[in-house]
Protein backbone atom coordinates (compact mmCIF):
# COMPACT_ATOMS: atom_id res chain seq x y z
CA MET A 1 94.77 -41.73 16.43
CA ASP A 2 94.01 -39.91 13.26
CA VAL A 3 92.24 -36.12 13.43
CA ASP A 4 89.02 -37.49 12.02
CA SER A 5 88.45 -40.16 14.85
CA LYS A 6 88.90 -37.43 17.27
CA ASN A 7 86.05 -35.50 15.92
CA ARG A 8 83.47 -38.05 15.15
CA MET A 9 80.42 -39.29 17.35
CA VAL A 10 80.46 -42.65 18.62
CA TYR A 11 77.24 -44.05 19.85
CA SER A 12 77.34 -47.78 21.87
CA PHE A 13 74.47 -49.75 22.94
CA ASP A 14 74.31 -52.96 25.28
CA VAL A 15 72.51 -55.85 23.48
CA PHE A 16 70.56 -57.75 25.97
CA ASP A 17 67.63 -55.91 27.67
CA THR A 18 68.16 -52.83 25.69
CA CYS A 19 68.39 -54.17 22.02
CA LEU A 20 67.11 -57.77 22.28
CA ALA A 21 64.64 -58.99 24.84
CA ARG A 22 63.92 -62.52 25.49
CA LEU A 23 60.19 -63.87 25.39
CA CYS A 24 60.66 -65.99 28.84
CA GLY A 25 61.85 -62.91 30.47
CA GLU A 26 64.47 -63.55 32.84
CA PRO A 27 67.80 -65.47 31.75
CA ARG A 28 67.20 -67.92 34.47
CA CYS A 29 63.42 -68.64 33.05
CA LEU A 30 65.83 -69.14 29.71
CA ILE A 31 67.04 -72.37 31.29
CA GLU A 32 63.54 -73.37 32.72
CA VAL A 33 62.30 -73.71 28.95
CA LEU A 34 65.54 -75.82 28.07
CA SER A 35 64.87 -77.62 30.90
CA LEU A 36 61.46 -78.62 29.28
CA ARG A 37 63.25 -79.63 25.88
CA ILE A 38 65.59 -81.78 27.90
CA GLN A 39 62.50 -83.55 29.69
CA ALA A 40 61.35 -84.04 26.44
CA LEU A 41 64.54 -85.85 24.98
CA LEU A 42 65.12 -87.95 28.11
CA GLY A 43 61.28 -88.80 28.42
CA ASP A 44 59.81 -90.93 31.05
CA LYS A 45 63.75 -90.77 32.84
CA CYS A 46 63.29 -87.44 33.37
CA THR A 47 61.42 -86.27 36.60
CA GLU A 48 60.37 -83.38 37.83
CA HIS A 49 63.19 -83.41 40.43
CA LEU A 50 65.96 -84.24 38.00
CA ARG A 51 64.67 -81.17 35.79
CA GLN A 52 64.73 -78.97 38.56
CA HIS A 53 68.32 -80.40 39.11
CA PHE A 54 69.76 -79.76 35.82
CA VAL A 55 68.07 -76.11 36.34
CA ALA A 56 69.91 -75.57 39.75
CA SER A 57 72.81 -76.80 38.12
CA ARG A 58 72.90 -74.98 35.32
CA ILE A 59 71.93 -71.20 36.75
CA ASN A 60 74.54 -72.01 39.68
CA THR A 61 77.31 -72.45 36.99
CA ASN A 62 79.52 -69.50 35.92
CA GLY A 63 81.88 -68.97 32.98
CA HIS A 64 83.06 -66.85 30.03
CA SER A 65 81.59 -69.31 27.72
CA LEU A 66 78.99 -71.81 27.18
CA GLU A 67 81.71 -74.57 26.33
CA GLU A 68 83.16 -73.58 29.76
CA ILE A 69 79.95 -73.83 31.61
CA TYR A 70 78.86 -76.55 30.37
CA GLN A 71 82.02 -78.22 31.01
CA GLN A 72 81.38 -77.59 34.61
CA VAL A 73 77.71 -78.50 34.65
CA THR A 74 78.74 -82.07 33.91
CA GLU A 75 80.34 -82.44 37.00
CA ARG A 76 77.13 -81.66 38.64
CA PHE A 77 74.64 -83.12 36.46
CA ALA A 78 74.65 -86.34 33.86
CA LEU A 79 74.21 -84.61 30.54
CA PRO A 80 71.44 -86.33 28.23
CA CYS A 81 74.27 -85.60 25.50
CA SER A 82 77.35 -83.99 24.66
CA VAL A 83 78.64 -80.59 25.80
CA GLU A 84 78.93 -79.49 22.03
CA ALA A 85 75.31 -80.48 21.69
CA MET A 86 74.23 -79.02 24.78
CA VAL A 87 75.65 -75.73 23.82
CA GLN A 88 73.90 -75.69 20.36
CA MET A 89 70.75 -76.73 22.20
CA GLU A 90 70.66 -73.67 24.27
CA LEU A 91 71.67 -71.47 21.49
CA ASP A 92 68.66 -72.64 19.92
CA VAL A 93 66.34 -71.81 22.66
CA GLU A 94 68.12 -68.38 22.69
CA ARG A 95 67.59 -67.87 19.04
CA GLU A 96 63.69 -68.71 19.33
CA MET A 97 63.47 -66.49 22.56
CA LEU A 98 65.25 -63.24 21.57
CA THR A 99 62.64 -60.33 20.09
CA PRO A 100 63.66 -56.99 19.38
CA ILE A 101 62.89 -53.98 21.13
CA VAL A 102 61.73 -51.52 18.31
CA ALA A 103 61.98 -48.48 20.81
CA THR A 104 65.61 -48.94 20.99
CA ARG A 105 66.00 -49.53 17.11
CA HIS A 106 64.10 -46.20 16.15
CA LEU A 107 66.48 -44.73 18.46
CA ILE A 108 69.62 -46.29 16.67
CA ASP A 109 68.17 -45.58 13.47
CA LYS A 110 68.07 -41.76 14.33
CA LEU A 111 71.44 -41.71 15.76
CA ARG A 112 73.25 -43.65 13.04
CA HIS A 113 73.32 -40.18 10.92
CA ASN A 114 75.19 -38.27 13.15
CA GLY A 115 77.73 -40.98 14.08
CA ASP A 116 79.20 -44.50 14.39
CA ILE A 117 77.22 -47.38 16.21
CA ILE A 118 78.92 -50.14 18.33
CA PHE A 119 77.61 -53.04 20.17
CA ILE A 120 79.21 -53.97 23.22
CA SER A 121 77.96 -56.95 25.68
CA ASP A 122 79.27 -58.67 28.99
CA MET A 123 78.07 -61.96 27.75
CA TYR A 124 78.98 -66.02 27.28
CA LEU A 125 77.47 -66.20 24.04
CA PRO A 126 79.47 -66.80 20.65
CA VAL A 127 80.06 -63.15 19.09
CA ASP A 128 78.79 -64.80 15.93
CA PHE A 129 75.75 -65.72 17.50
CA ILE A 130 74.95 -61.89 18.91
CA ARG A 131 75.98 -60.51 15.65
CA GLU A 132 73.35 -62.87 13.96
CA MET A 133 70.43 -61.96 16.15
CA LEU A 134 71.04 -58.15 15.66
CA PHE A 135 71.62 -58.02 12.12
CA ARG A 136 68.30 -60.43 12.13
CA TYR A 137 66.49 -57.96 13.81
CA GLY A 138 67.52 -54.62 11.97
CA PHE A 139 70.44 -53.34 14.73
CA PHE A 140 73.09 -54.31 13.05
CA HIS A 141 74.20 -52.50 9.97
CA GLU A 142 77.48 -53.06 7.78
CA GLY A 143 79.97 -50.68 9.18
CA ASP A 144 78.98 -51.46 12.84
CA ARG A 145 81.08 -52.87 15.51
CA LEU A 146 80.50 -55.43 18.24
CA TYR A 147 82.49 -56.32 21.09
CA VAL A 148 81.43 -59.66 23.27
CA SER A 149 83.41 -60.09 26.70
CA ASP A 150 83.80 -63.89 26.22
CA THR A 151 85.78 -62.79 22.74
CA VAL A 152 88.02 -60.00 23.91
CA GLY A 153 88.38 -60.70 27.48
CA ALA A 154 87.34 -57.63 28.92
CA TRP A 155 84.28 -56.84 30.73
CA LYS A 156 81.55 -53.62 31.45
CA TYR A 157 81.02 -54.19 34.93
CA ASP A 158 84.88 -53.24 35.65
CA GLY A 159 85.51 -50.97 32.96
CA THR A 160 87.97 -52.96 31.02
CA LEU A 161 85.70 -53.26 27.99
CA PHE A 162 85.26 -49.64 27.69
CA GLN A 163 88.81 -48.85 28.06
CA LEU A 164 89.52 -51.72 25.33
CA VAL A 165 86.98 -50.14 22.57
CA HIS A 166 88.61 -46.60 23.66
CA GLU A 167 92.01 -48.19 22.33
CA LYS A 168 90.69 -50.11 19.45
CA GLU A 169 88.23 -47.36 18.47
CA GLY A 170 90.50 -44.50 18.90
CA VAL A 171 87.17 -42.30 20.38
CA PRO A 172 87.98 -39.71 23.10
CA TYR A 173 85.45 -40.38 26.17
CA ARG A 174 84.01 -37.18 25.50
CA LYS A 175 82.74 -37.89 22.13
CA TRP A 176 80.58 -41.31 23.40
CA HIS A 177 77.74 -41.89 24.31
CA HIS A 178 76.57 -45.10 25.86
CA TYR A 179 73.08 -46.71 26.03
CA GLY A 180 72.08 -49.68 28.53
CA ASP A 181 69.78 -50.93 31.23
CA ASN A 182 72.01 -51.91 33.77
CA HIS A 183 72.73 -48.95 36.55
CA HIS A 184 76.34 -50.18 37.26
CA SER A 185 77.87 -51.58 34.09
CA ASP A 186 75.81 -49.17 31.99
CA TYR A 187 75.80 -46.22 33.71
CA LYS A 188 78.07 -45.40 36.75
CA VAL A 189 81.02 -47.22 35.01
CA PRO A 190 81.30 -45.41 31.79
CA ARG A 191 80.44 -42.02 33.52
CA ARG A 192 83.83 -42.69 35.58
CA LEU A 193 85.44 -42.95 32.37
CA GLY A 194 83.77 -39.76 31.00
CA ILE A 195 81.34 -41.14 28.66
CA HIS A 196 78.18 -39.65 28.50
CA ALA A 197 75.93 -42.38 29.70
CA HIS A 198 71.94 -42.96 29.18
CA LEU A 199 69.69 -45.53 31.00
CA LEU A 200 67.18 -47.35 28.91
CA GLN A 201 65.35 -49.55 30.61
CA TYR A 202 62.21 -51.49 29.77
CA ASP A 203 60.26 -51.39 33.21
CA TYR A 204 57.77 -54.25 33.69
CA LEU A 205 53.80 -52.98 34.11
CA TYR A 206 51.65 -53.50 36.70
CA TYR A 207 50.34 -56.69 36.20
CA GLU A 208 53.62 -58.41 34.72
CA ASP A 209 55.12 -57.21 37.95
CA GLN A 210 52.26 -59.05 40.07
CA TRP A 211 52.84 -62.33 38.24
CA MET A 212 56.86 -62.24 39.01
CA ARG A 213 55.93 -61.92 42.33
CA GLN A 214 53.93 -64.86 42.69
CA PRO A 215 55.26 -67.98 44.89
CA VAL A 216 55.62 -70.60 42.22
CA ALA A 217 57.54 -74.47 42.94
CA GLY A 218 58.84 -75.71 40.19
CA PHE A 219 58.58 -74.85 36.95
CA GLN A 220 58.70 -71.01 36.91
CA TYR A 221 55.55 -70.11 34.49
CA ALA A 222 54.29 -66.89 36.37
CA SER A 223 57.61 -64.86 35.53
CA ILE A 224 57.68 -66.62 31.96
CA LEU A 225 54.17 -65.49 31.41
CA ALA A 226 55.45 -61.95 32.66
CA GLY A 227 58.17 -61.69 30.14
CA ILE A 228 56.11 -62.83 27.24
CA SER A 229 53.87 -60.02 28.32
CA ARG A 230 56.85 -57.33 27.90
CA ALA A 231 58.71 -58.46 25.20
CA VAL A 232 55.22 -58.78 23.21
CA ARG A 233 54.68 -55.04 24.19
CA LEU A 234 57.97 -53.67 23.26
CA GLN A 235 58.49 -55.81 19.71
CA SER A 236 55.35 -53.99 18.53
CA ASP A 237 55.00 -50.90 16.94
CA ALA A 238 51.20 -50.51 17.69
CA ALA A 239 50.36 -47.61 19.80
CA GLU A 240 51.43 -47.94 23.35
CA SER A 241 47.85 -47.90 25.01
CA GLN A 242 46.85 -50.62 22.79
CA THR A 243 49.83 -52.76 23.55
CA ARG A 244 49.34 -52.26 27.02
CA PHE A 245 46.04 -53.45 27.01
CA VAL A 246 46.31 -56.59 24.79
CA ALA A 247 49.63 -57.63 26.11
CA ASP A 248 48.85 -57.75 30.00
CA LEU A 249 44.86 -58.15 29.39
CA SER A 250 43.27 -59.70 26.68
CA ALA A 251 46.11 -61.77 24.84
CA PRO A 252 47.03 -63.89 28.21
CA PHE A 253 43.12 -64.33 28.73
CA MET A 254 42.39 -65.57 24.98
CA VAL A 255 45.37 -67.42 24.33
CA ALA A 256 45.14 -69.46 27.74
CA TRP A 257 41.43 -69.90 26.79
CA VAL A 258 41.82 -71.13 23.56
CA VAL A 259 44.52 -73.59 24.35
CA GLY A 260 42.30 -74.75 27.48
CA VAL A 261 39.55 -75.51 24.97
CA LEU A 262 41.67 -77.33 22.79
CA GLN A 263 42.83 -79.45 25.33
CA ASP A 264 39.56 -80.00 26.64
CA ALA A 265 38.28 -80.81 23.27
CA ARG A 266 41.16 -83.70 23.14
CA GLN A 267 40.07 -85.11 26.23
CA ARG A 268 36.14 -85.54 25.28
CA GLY A 269 37.46 -86.90 21.92
CA ILE A 270 36.19 -83.79 19.85
CA ARG A 271 37.62 -83.94 16.58
CA ARG A 272 36.16 -80.52 14.87
CA LEU A 273 35.97 -77.49 16.41
CA TYR A 274 33.84 -74.34 14.75
CA PHE A 275 34.76 -70.85 15.82
CA LEU A 276 31.21 -68.80 15.02
CA ALA A 277 31.56 -65.26 13.05
CA ARG A 278 31.78 -62.96 14.53
CA ASP A 279 33.12 -62.34 17.90
CA VAL A 280 35.57 -65.54 18.10
CA HIS A 281 37.51 -64.62 15.03
CA SER A 282 40.93 -63.54 16.73
CA GLU A 283 40.57 -66.94 19.02
CA TYR A 284 40.08 -68.74 15.84
CA LEU A 285 43.61 -67.37 14.40
CA ILE A 286 45.11 -68.21 17.58
CA ALA A 287 43.89 -71.82 17.25
CA LYS A 288 45.21 -72.22 13.95
CA ARG A 289 48.83 -71.36 15.41
CA PHE A 290 48.60 -74.19 17.63
CA SER A 291 47.26 -76.62 15.17
CA ALA A 292 50.65 -78.99 15.27
CA MET A 293 50.12 -79.31 18.88
CA PHE A 294 46.51 -80.78 18.34
CA PRO A 295 47.02 -82.39 15.01
CA GLU A 296 43.89 -84.52 15.38
CA ILE A 297 41.34 -81.70 15.58
CA GLU A 298 40.24 -79.66 13.04
CA VAL A 299 39.44 -75.99 13.26
CA ARG A 300 36.98 -74.00 10.68
CA TYR A 301 35.66 -70.83 11.18
CA LEU A 302 31.87 -70.90 10.37
CA ILE A 303 30.52 -67.60 9.04
CA THR A 304 27.08 -67.14 10.37
CA SER A 305 24.85 -65.38 13.13
CA SER A 306 22.04 -66.04 15.23
CA ASN A 307 19.65 -64.47 13.10
CA ALA A 308 20.58 -65.78 9.88
CA LEU A 309 20.28 -69.34 11.79
CA TYR A 310 16.39 -68.68 12.97
CA HIS A 311 15.03 -66.46 10.29
CA ASP A 312 17.04 -68.03 6.93
CA GLU A 313 15.50 -71.39 5.82
CA LEU A 314 18.58 -71.99 3.78
CA SER A 315 20.67 -72.01 6.89
CA ALA A 316 20.11 -75.84 8.07
CA LEU A 317 21.32 -76.59 4.19
CA TYR A 318 24.23 -74.25 4.92
CA LEU A 319 25.21 -76.00 8.08
CA ARG A 320 24.49 -79.41 6.45
CA ASN A 321 27.03 -78.70 3.55
CA GLU A 322 29.71 -77.02 6.31
CA GLY A 323 29.69 -80.70 7.88
CA PHE A 324 27.27 -80.35 10.52
CA ALA A 325 25.66 -83.64 9.88
CA ASP A 326 28.85 -85.56 9.19
CA ASP A 327 29.31 -88.15 12.14
CA VAL A 328 32.24 -86.89 13.77
CA PRO A 329 32.42 -85.57 17.17
CA LEU A 330 32.31 -81.88 16.95
CA ALA A 331 31.99 -78.59 19.07
CA VAL A 332 30.96 -74.62 18.38
CA ILE A 333 32.90 -71.82 20.15
CA ASP A 334 31.39 -68.47 20.73
CA SER A 335 31.99 -65.51 23.20
CA ASN A 336 28.38 -65.89 24.68
CA THR A 337 25.33 -67.29 24.76
CA SER A 338 21.79 -67.52 25.63
CA GLY A 339 22.14 -71.38 24.84
CA ARG A 340 19.62 -70.91 22.01
CA THR A 341 21.84 -71.04 19.08
CA LEU A 342 23.51 -74.41 20.35
CA GLN A 343 19.79 -75.68 21.18
CA THR A 344 18.94 -74.77 16.94
CA MET A 345 22.11 -76.38 16.19
CA ASN A 346 21.03 -79.71 17.95
CA ASP A 347 17.07 -79.54 16.71
CA MET A 348 18.77 -79.29 13.13
CA PHE A 349 20.99 -82.27 13.42
CA GLY A 350 19.91 -84.58 16.30
CA LYS A 351 18.56 -87.19 14.03
CA ASP A 352 21.54 -87.31 11.83
CA ARG A 353 24.32 -86.88 14.81
CA LYS A 354 25.21 -89.95 17.56
CA ASP A 355 26.43 -87.37 19.72
CA ALA A 356 24.98 -83.71 20.35
CA ILE A 357 26.81 -80.77 19.17
CA TYR A 358 29.03 -79.59 22.29
CA GLY A 359 29.60 -75.61 22.97
CA TYR A 360 32.45 -73.87 24.69
CA PHE A 361 31.50 -70.04 25.85
CA ILE A 362 32.97 -67.38 27.90
CA MET A 363 29.66 -66.53 29.35
CA LYS A 364 26.12 -66.60 28.78
CA TYR A 365 22.67 -64.52 29.02
CA ASP A 366 20.46 -65.20 31.82
CA ARG A 367 17.99 -66.20 29.76
CA SER A 368 15.05 -68.72 31.80
CA GLU A 369 13.64 -70.31 28.34
CA TYR A 370 16.81 -71.63 27.62
CA ARG A 371 18.13 -72.72 31.20
CA HIS A 372 17.10 -76.54 30.05
CA CYS A 373 19.91 -75.76 28.02
CA LEU A 374 22.54 -75.30 30.17
CA ALA A 375 21.53 -77.92 32.74
CA GLY A 376 23.15 -80.33 30.07
CA ASP A 377 20.77 -81.54 27.42
CA TYR A 378 22.94 -80.59 24.89
CA LEU A 379 26.02 -80.55 26.48
CA LEU A 380 26.65 -76.83 26.93
CA TYR A 381 30.35 -76.20 28.81
CA ALA A 382 30.61 -72.47 30.01
CA PHE A 383 34.45 -72.73 30.03
CA TYR A 384 35.85 -71.72 33.52
CA LEU A 385 32.62 -69.93 34.44
CA ASP A 386 30.98 -73.22 35.30
CA ALA A 387 34.52 -74.61 36.79
CA ILE A 388 35.27 -71.77 39.08
CA ALA A 389 32.19 -71.04 41.91
CA SER A 390 33.48 -67.57 42.73
CA LYS A 391 30.88 -65.00 42.48
CA ARG A 392 33.69 -62.59 41.44
CA VAL A 393 34.85 -64.82 38.70
CA ARG A 394 31.35 -64.49 37.51
CA ARG A 395 30.77 -60.90 37.94
CA THR A 396 34.08 -60.41 35.97
CA LEU A 397 32.98 -62.94 33.08
CA GLY A 398 29.53 -61.88 33.10
CA MET A 399 30.59 -57.95 31.91
CA ARG A 400 29.68 -58.80 28.05
CA ILE A 401 30.64 -55.26 26.79
CA PHE A 402 34.67 -56.13 27.75
CA PHE A 403 34.49 -59.30 26.08
CA GLU A 404 32.38 -58.50 23.03
CA LEU A 405 34.06 -55.31 22.49
CA LEU A 406 37.49 -55.42 23.79
CA PHE A 407 37.93 -58.84 23.78
CA SER A 408 36.28 -60.46 20.68
CA LEU A 409 37.34 -56.86 18.51
CA ASN A 410 35.91 -57.21 14.70
CA TYR A 411 35.05 -55.12 11.78
CA HIS A 412 33.54 -57.90 9.97
CA PRO A 413 30.04 -57.23 8.77
CA THR A 414 26.87 -59.23 9.76
CA THR A 415 25.90 -62.23 8.23
CA ILE A 416 22.30 -62.28 7.52
CA GLY A 417 21.27 -64.95 5.49
CA TYR A 418 22.49 -66.94 2.46
CA GLU A 419 22.00 -67.36 -1.08
CA TYR A 420 23.21 -69.55 -3.97
CA HIS A 421 25.93 -68.69 -6.32
CA GLY A 422 25.82 -71.26 -9.01
CA LEU A 423 25.95 -74.52 -7.12
CA LYS A 424 27.60 -73.11 -3.96
CA LEU A 425 25.62 -71.69 -0.71
CA ARG A 426 26.89 -68.53 0.37
CA PRO A 427 26.45 -66.20 3.32
CA VAL A 428 24.94 -62.91 2.48
CA PHE A 429 26.19 -60.00 4.39
CA GLY A 430 24.69 -56.91 5.75
CA GLU A 431 25.81 -53.36 6.72
CA ASN A 432 28.19 -53.39 9.60
CA ASN A 433 26.16 -50.96 11.77
CA ASP A 434 27.58 -51.84 15.07
CA ASN A 435 26.63 -49.46 18.23
CA TRP A 436 30.60 -48.84 18.55
CA TYR A 437 33.59 -47.61 17.16
CA PHE A 438 37.02 -46.13 17.35
CA ASP A 439 37.50 -42.32 17.80
CA ASP A 440 40.76 -41.82 16.56
CA ILE A 441 41.81 -45.16 14.39
CA ASN A 442 39.46 -47.24 12.61
CA SER A 443 38.34 -50.65 13.54
CA ARG A 444 40.20 -52.24 10.71
CA SER A 445 43.60 -51.47 11.73
CA ALA A 446 42.90 -51.69 15.44
CA LYS A 447 41.89 -55.41 14.64
CA ARG A 448 44.73 -55.96 12.34
CA ALA A 449 46.81 -54.46 15.71
CA ASN A 450 45.23 -56.92 17.93
CA ASP A 451 45.84 -59.97 16.34
CA LYS A 452 49.31 -59.17 15.48
CA LEU A 453 49.87 -58.77 19.01
CA LEU A 454 47.50 -62.07 19.74
CA LEU A 455 49.84 -64.18 17.34
CA ALA A 456 52.86 -62.90 18.85
CA TYR A 457 51.68 -63.91 22.37
CA ALA A 458 50.38 -67.39 21.01
CA ASP A 459 53.69 -68.13 19.44
CA ALA A 460 55.56 -67.35 22.37
CA PHE A 461 53.06 -68.98 24.70
CA ARG A 462 54.11 -72.18 22.57
CA ARG A 463 57.58 -71.80 22.20
CA THR A 464 58.19 -71.15 25.95
CA GLY A 465 55.95 -74.36 26.90
CA LEU A 466 53.56 -72.60 28.79
CA SER A 467 50.82 -74.35 26.89
CA LEU A 468 51.57 -77.15 29.23
CA PHE A 469 50.24 -74.93 32.21
CA SER A 470 47.48 -73.21 30.46
CA SER A 471 45.10 -73.96 33.19
CA VAL A 472 46.55 -73.09 36.15
CA ILE A 473 47.71 -69.75 34.56
CA MET A 474 44.47 -68.88 33.58
CA GLU A 475 42.87 -69.81 37.18
CA ARG A 476 46.42 -68.30 39.26
CA LEU A 477 47.21 -65.42 36.94
CA VAL A 478 45.16 -64.49 34.38
CA LEU A 479 41.91 -64.50 35.75
CA SER A 480 42.86 -62.72 38.87
CA SER A 481 44.10 -59.77 37.12
CA MET A 482 41.03 -59.55 35.26
CA MET A 483 39.55 -59.35 38.20
CA ASP A 484 41.53 -56.83 40.13
CA PHE A 485 41.35 -54.66 36.82
CA VAL A 486 37.61 -54.85 37.15
CA ASP A 487 37.64 -54.03 41.02
CA ARG A 488 40.49 -51.31 40.60
CA PRO A 489 40.78 -50.42 37.15
CA ARG A 490 44.64 -49.12 36.52
CA LYS A 491 44.81 -45.87 34.83
CA GLU A 492 47.81 -46.85 32.56
CA TYR A 493 45.71 -49.53 31.09
CA LEU A 494 42.55 -46.89 30.71
CA ASP A 495 44.01 -45.08 27.93
CA TYR A 496 42.87 -47.45 25.06
CA LEU A 497 39.48 -48.05 26.11
CA HIS A 498 39.10 -44.42 25.99
CA HIS A 499 39.16 -44.55 21.91
CA PHE A 500 36.04 -47.07 22.24
CA ILE A 501 32.70 -45.39 21.71
CA TRP A 502 29.64 -47.16 22.68
CA LEU A 503 26.23 -45.82 22.02
CA GLY A 504 27.73 -42.50 21.29
CA LYS A 505 29.68 -42.41 24.77
CA PRO A 506 33.31 -43.24 25.34
CA PHE A 507 33.90 -46.23 27.19
CA VAL A 508 36.06 -44.69 29.47
CA GLY A 509 35.97 -40.70 29.61
CA LYS A 510 34.75 -38.40 32.65
CA ASN A 511 32.68 -38.94 35.51
CA HIS A 512 29.94 -36.30 34.26
CA GLY A 513 28.86 -34.13 31.24
CA SER A 514 29.21 -34.81 27.43
CA HIS A 515 31.97 -36.88 27.95
CA LYS A 516 30.99 -38.83 30.25
CA GLY A 517 31.96 -42.48 30.13
CA VAL A 518 29.99 -45.70 30.42
CA TRP A 519 31.96 -47.70 32.98
CA LYS A 520 31.93 -45.55 36.18
CA ARG A 521 34.29 -47.55 37.79
CA GLY A 522 36.54 -46.90 34.94
CA ASN A 523 36.07 -43.00 34.43
CA ARG A 524 36.94 -42.60 37.96
CA ALA A 525 40.68 -43.85 37.58
CA PHE A 526 40.78 -42.42 34.05
CA VAL A 527 40.03 -38.69 35.32
CA LEU A 528 41.70 -38.79 39.05
CA PRO A 529 45.39 -38.61 39.63
CA SER A 530 46.99 -42.51 40.15
CA TRP A 531 47.80 -41.66 43.98
CA VAL A 532 44.32 -40.59 44.31
CA VAL A 533 42.76 -43.46 42.78
CA ASN A 534 45.06 -45.77 44.88
CA ARG A 535 44.11 -43.84 48.15
CA TYR A 536 40.41 -44.40 47.46
CA TYR A 537 40.78 -47.97 46.52
CA SER A 538 42.66 -48.95 49.99
CA LEU A 539 39.98 -46.78 51.81
CA ALA A 540 37.12 -48.77 49.54
CA SER A 541 38.39 -52.20 50.60
CA ASN A 542 36.70 -50.98 54.26
CA ARG A 543 33.38 -51.83 53.48
CA LYS A 544 31.57 -49.42 56.16
CA LEU A 545 33.98 -46.74 55.10
CA SER A 546 33.09 -47.56 51.38
CA LYS A 547 29.33 -47.21 51.77
CA THR A 548 29.82 -43.73 53.56
CA ILE A 549 32.34 -42.49 50.49
CA ASN A 550 29.08 -43.63 48.30
CA ARG A 551 26.82 -41.76 49.90
CA ILE A 552 28.77 -38.81 50.10
CA ILE A 553 29.40 -39.22 45.99
CA SER A 554 25.62 -39.27 45.48
CA TRP A 555 25.14 -36.45 47.45
CA MET A 556 27.26 -33.95 45.27
CA PRO A 557 25.41 -31.16 43.24
CA PHE A 558 26.44 -32.67 39.82
CA ARG A 559 24.85 -35.75 40.45
CA LYS A 560 21.71 -34.15 41.35
CA LYS A 561 21.60 -31.80 38.57
CA GLY A 562 22.78 -34.37 36.30
CA ARG A 563 25.62 -32.53 34.94
């Protein structure tokens, strides 16, 4: 052991769930995703029972390498291909699922200037594969070392891997800092040896944890959805308040909704979808991500507005040029409607078309003059709003401000009409004079961060196979979380909403005074300590007691004086 090795500092890092996270969450869920690939490979021969049999066989088999594991799996399950092919298939799925944990990478970059970086892992995956993934996501640099239990025959959980690194690297334990997520293998064991151990644990947030607790028979879509939300958060450089809200609330809703629309459009034989500017631009980007799964459906973004349609005489010609007069089954998509826009479009082209123009909307206005349109004259389809009769669901989806500001974030100017540029008819834009804005980050950068998170979520939704379960995910998980948030807003998700300024007031702020927020229930959760809010919710679940509490609040002095 030379003098230099005695004086240098060494920083070692666990790999999985410390540096790299899986989009599907737990290791078991990776096998669930793999089972879908096997099911697709076998076709009709692979029943759901057979798929679950493979999952159980693979999970209940232990080994020091993938080859050893699949040699044992063959004794319980008839593999669709050779052991070598199955090993490669699982490695391919691992490669698709792995994503970086940005906070750990920032820490490694900071510590790299103070000493050497070593990666150590108790893992059955090949060392070359792990090195490849660490290098791909910017963790592994030239000169770094990697020790994997499968290769060296030593393990963290019993301390032999730490002792091996100590001997190979010649580093004193007192000069060594180790970081990892496992309380036993990454904290207790190295501390016994005299190593400075640090826990790096990236926990699941509230709704992610709730999804994981859902009892699901068959494919573990709930746990996988939780894994996606967590992984998308951890791989993002955006502000933590934004990543929490988008990953747990807006992204699951928007992605599941868009996939549901695409699936419904396929069943109805619709061949072209127009996403209407401006509110559903992000949903349009999500739909483009799934275009390979729905090759028969053409996805377009239509730059228009209700004012332009109703007041510009060139609007009909513009829509005709965009293909509305084509004898192709088509539909328009927007966040909300009164029925008027869809009715106007059908009035314009009803004589030219065999089928009426269909419509997909999250919510609708209660405008009596267009109720007949909602009854089916123009086949208006309020997706999930009409499908689920629950008043609680309707109340949640009826919060227009939520979906227009938070779930349809945009900075695009309003279309005020159309004009000719040479022989082409193009939209004319007005000033973007919306009544809302961000207080400390501009709308453009916020939307870019949003879209990046949403597209990462859409990609993960597609890779993990959750698109096959979008309807049940929407009904059992996503809408339940949304309703829970509207009824019982949680503090960790409200910091992001505090940045929204609506008509000069923060969307979420104080209960009174100049900084009073628009959303009263959100204000209470934003201002008060979490334990007080949770206690209030538990008391408010009693209806009689809730009425008494509300009366007391209404009698408080600041309510009467308006301060």
